[in-house]
Amino acid sequence: MTIRSLLSVSAPLLALGPLDGCDPVVNIAGANFPAWLLCALLGGLLAAAFKPIFATLGVEPYMGPAVLIYPCLAILLACIIYLALFNRV
């Protein structure tokens, strides 16, 4: 591998280094957690809470494969929570 090809591969990765400190941090009981971790956990819990609601309403058989629907719902809810709580714009 030549130096030029090595730099072309590693330069974009090295450019992301200064962005490490840009993630908001949540302090829970003295321990620091990244905000995305908290949002992912809440998104997964909320998606699990929607399953009985969809089953009660009788909508679940028409939604499609659950193995795709619920992870996508969890990601959607996690992104909404992140934007609602940690939006810096």
Protein backbone atom coordinates (compact mmCIF):
# COMPACT_ATOMS: atom_id res chain seq x y z
CA MET A 1 0.00 0.00 0.00
CA THR A 2 1.46 3.34 -1.00
CA ILE A 3 1.54 6.40 1.21
CA ARG A 4 -0.90 8.20 -1.05
CA SER A 5 -3.53 5.45 -0.84
CA LEU A 6 -2.97 5.18 2.91
CA LEU A 7 -3.59 8.92 3.32
CA SER A 8 -6.67 8.80 1.11
CA VAL A 9 -8.15 6.16 3.39
CA SER A 10 -7.08 7.56 6.75
CA ALA A 11 -7.57 11.30 6.13
CA PRO A 12 -11.39 11.23 6.36
CA LEU A 13 -11.21 9.18 9.54
CA LEU A 14 -8.70 11.55 11.11
CA ALA A 15 -10.87 14.53 10.14
CA LEU A 16 -13.66 13.13 12.33
CA GLY A 17 -11.45 13.23 15.43
CA PRO A 18 -12.34 16.76 16.57
CA LEU A 19 -16.03 15.86 16.45
CA ASP A 20 -15.65 13.41 19.35
CA GLY A 21 -16.34 16.08 21.94
CA CYS A 22 -19.46 17.44 20.23
CA ASP A 23 -21.85 14.85 21.63
CA PRO A 24 -23.98 16.09 24.55
CA VAL A 25 -23.36 14.23 27.79
CA VAL A 26 -26.03 13.32 30.35
CA ASN A 27 -25.03 12.96 33.99
CA ILE A 28 -27.00 10.16 35.70
CA ALA A 29 -26.11 9.42 39.33
CA GLY A 30 -22.59 10.74 38.86
CA ALA A 31 -21.87 8.75 35.71
CA ASN A 32 -21.60 10.44 32.32
CA PHE A 33 -23.48 8.87 29.41
CA PRO A 34 -23.71 10.10 25.81
CA ALA A 35 -27.11 11.54 24.99
CA TRP A 36 -27.62 9.21 22.03
CA LEU A 37 -27.41 6.22 24.38
CA LEU A 38 -30.19 7.59 26.56
CA CYS A 39 -32.30 8.39 23.48
CA ALA A 40 -31.76 4.90 22.03
CA LEU A 41 -32.83 3.31 25.30
CA LEU A 42 -35.95 5.47 25.55
CA GLY A 43 -36.79 4.86 21.87
CA GLY A 44 -36.59 1.10 22.36
CA LEU A 45 -38.74 1.22 25.48
CA LEU A 46 -41.34 3.38 23.77
CA ALA A 47 -41.44 1.09 20.73
CA ALA A 48 -42.00 -1.86 23.07
CA ALA A 49 -44.80 0.10 24.75
CA PHE A 50 -46.51 0.65 21.38
CA LYS A 51 -46.76 -3.10 20.65
CA PRO A 52 -49.68 -3.79 23.03
CA ILE A 53 -51.38 -0.59 21.87
CA PHE A 54 -51.20 -1.72 18.24
CA ALA A 55 -52.41 -5.21 19.20
CA THR A 56 -55.36 -3.79 21.16
CA LEU A 57 -56.37 -1.54 18.29
CA GLY A 58 -56.15 -4.51 15.88
CA VAL A 59 -53.67 -2.72 13.60
CA GLU A 60 -50.70 -5.04 14.11
CA PRO A 61 -51.65 -7.71 11.50
CA TYR A 62 -51.76 -5.00 8.80
CA MET A 63 -48.45 -3.31 9.65
CA GLY A 64 -46.08 -5.67 7.89
CA PRO A 65 -43.21 -7.72 9.28
CA ALA A 66 -42.73 -6.87 12.95
CA VAL A 67 -38.99 -7.53 12.69
CA LEU A 68 -38.75 -4.44 10.46
CA ILE A 69 -41.52 -2.24 11.88
CA TYR A 70 -40.53 -2.11 15.54
CA PRO A 71 -36.80 -1.41 15.08
CA CYS A 72 -37.69 1.36 12.63
CA LEU A 73 -40.21 2.74 15.12
CA ALA A 74 -37.55 2.63 17.85
CA ILE A 75 -35.08 4.54 15.66
CA LEU A 76 -37.75 7.09 14.73
CA LEU A 77 -38.70 7.65 18.36
CA ALA A 78 -35.05 7.89 19.43
CA CYS A 79 -34.38 10.53 16.78
CA ILE A 80 -37.47 12.50 17.82
CA ILE A 81 -36.40 12.38 21.48
CA TYR A 82 -32.88 13.47 20.57
CA LEU A 83 -34.18 16.42 18.53
CA ALA A 84 -36.66 17.42 21.21
CA LEU A 85 -34.25 17.28 24.16
CA PHE A 86 -30.80 17.98 22.73
CA ASN A 87 -31.41 20.27 19.76
CA ARG A 88 -28.80 23.03 19.74
CA VAL A 89 -30.00 24.90 16.65
